[in-house]
């Protein structure tokens, strides 16, 4: 459990991640929600291939969105 706590702590201390999470909460547009999720995963350190599987997009599309 300590590893999970460190991940959440890192999220809470990063202002960019907090801004993206706030934007995700405020958006009502499905397309913008998906774009914000791509940005969030990128900020958390995932690579394009992994992000593309998580949000069900082509990995080349992910490269363009970031």
Protein backbone atom coordinates (compact mmCIF):
# COMPACT_ATOMS: atom_id res chain seq x y z
CA UNK A 1 0.00 0.00 0.00
CA UNK A 2 2.91 2.38 0.55
CA UNK A 3 3.57 2.58 -3.21
CA UNK A 4 -0.01 3.63 -3.90
CA UNK A 5 0.21 6.30 -1.21
CA UNK A 6 3.35 7.70 -2.85
CA UNK A 7 1.61 7.85 -6.23
CA UNK A 8 -1.34 9.77 -4.77
CA UNK A 9 1.02 12.05 -2.88
CA UNK A 10 2.89 12.82 -6.09
CA UNK A 11 -0.42 13.63 -7.81
CA UNK A 12 -1.39 16.00 -5.03
CA UNK A 13 1.90 17.89 -5.14
CA UNK A 14 2.01 18.39 -8.93
CA UNK A 15 0.10 21.56 -9.93
CA UNK A 16 -0.15 20.49 -13.60
CA UNK A 17 -1.90 17.25 -12.65
CA UNK A 18 -4.22 19.14 -10.32
CA UNK A 19 -5.12 21.59 -13.10
CA UNK A 20 -5.92 18.76 -15.52
CA UNK A 21 -8.02 16.95 -12.91
CA UNK A 22 -9.95 20.17 -12.29
CA UNK A 23 -10.54 20.60 -16.04
CA UNK A 24 -11.76 16.98 -16.26
CA UNK A 25 -14.31 17.66 -13.51
CA UNK A 26 -15.59 20.80 -15.24
CA UNK A 27 -15.89 19.55 -18.82
CA UNK A 28 -19.12 18.23 -20.24
CA UNK A 29 -17.70 17.51 -23.69
CA UNK A 30 -16.78 13.86 -24.28
CA UNK A 31 -14.01 14.75 -26.73
CA UNK A 32 -12.37 17.19 -24.31
CA UNK A 33 -12.67 14.64 -21.50
CA UNK A 34 -10.76 12.14 -23.63
CA UNK A 35 -8.08 14.71 -24.46
CA UNK A 36 -7.67 15.64 -20.81
CA UNK A 37 -7.30 11.97 -19.92
CA UNK A 38 -4.51 11.62 -22.49
CA UNK A 39 -2.74 14.62 -20.98
CA UNK A 40 -3.22 13.26 -17.45
CA UNK A 41 -1.76 9.87 -18.35
CA UNK A 42 1.16 11.57 -20.09
CA UNK A 43 1.87 13.67 -16.99
CA UNK A 44 1.79 10.49 -14.91
CA UNK A 45 4.54 9.03 -17.12
CA UNK A 46 2.73 6.57 -19.38
CA UNK A 47 3.98 6.08 -22.93
CA UNK A 48 1.85 6.57 -26.06
CA UNK A 49 1.29 2.85 -26.63
CA UNK A 50 -0.07 2.37 -23.11
CA UNK A 51 -2.20 5.53 -23.27
CA UNK A 52 -3.69 4.47 -26.60
CA UNK A 53 -4.86 1.20 -25.07
CA UNK A 54 -6.33 2.94 -22.02
CA UNK A 55 -8.38 5.47 -23.99
CA UNK A 56 -9.00 3.30 -27.07
CA UNK A 57 -7.27 5.49 -29.65
CA UNK A 58 -4.51 4.85 -32.18
CA UNK A 59 -1.05 5.48 -30.75
CA UNK A 60 -0.35 7.97 -33.57
CA UNK A 61 -3.40 9.98 -32.52
CA UNK A 62 -2.06 10.09 -28.98
CA UNK A 63 1.22 11.53 -30.25
CA UNK A 64 -0.69 14.35 -31.93
CA UNK A 65 -2.88 15.13 -28.90
CA UNK A 66 -0.03 15.59 -26.42
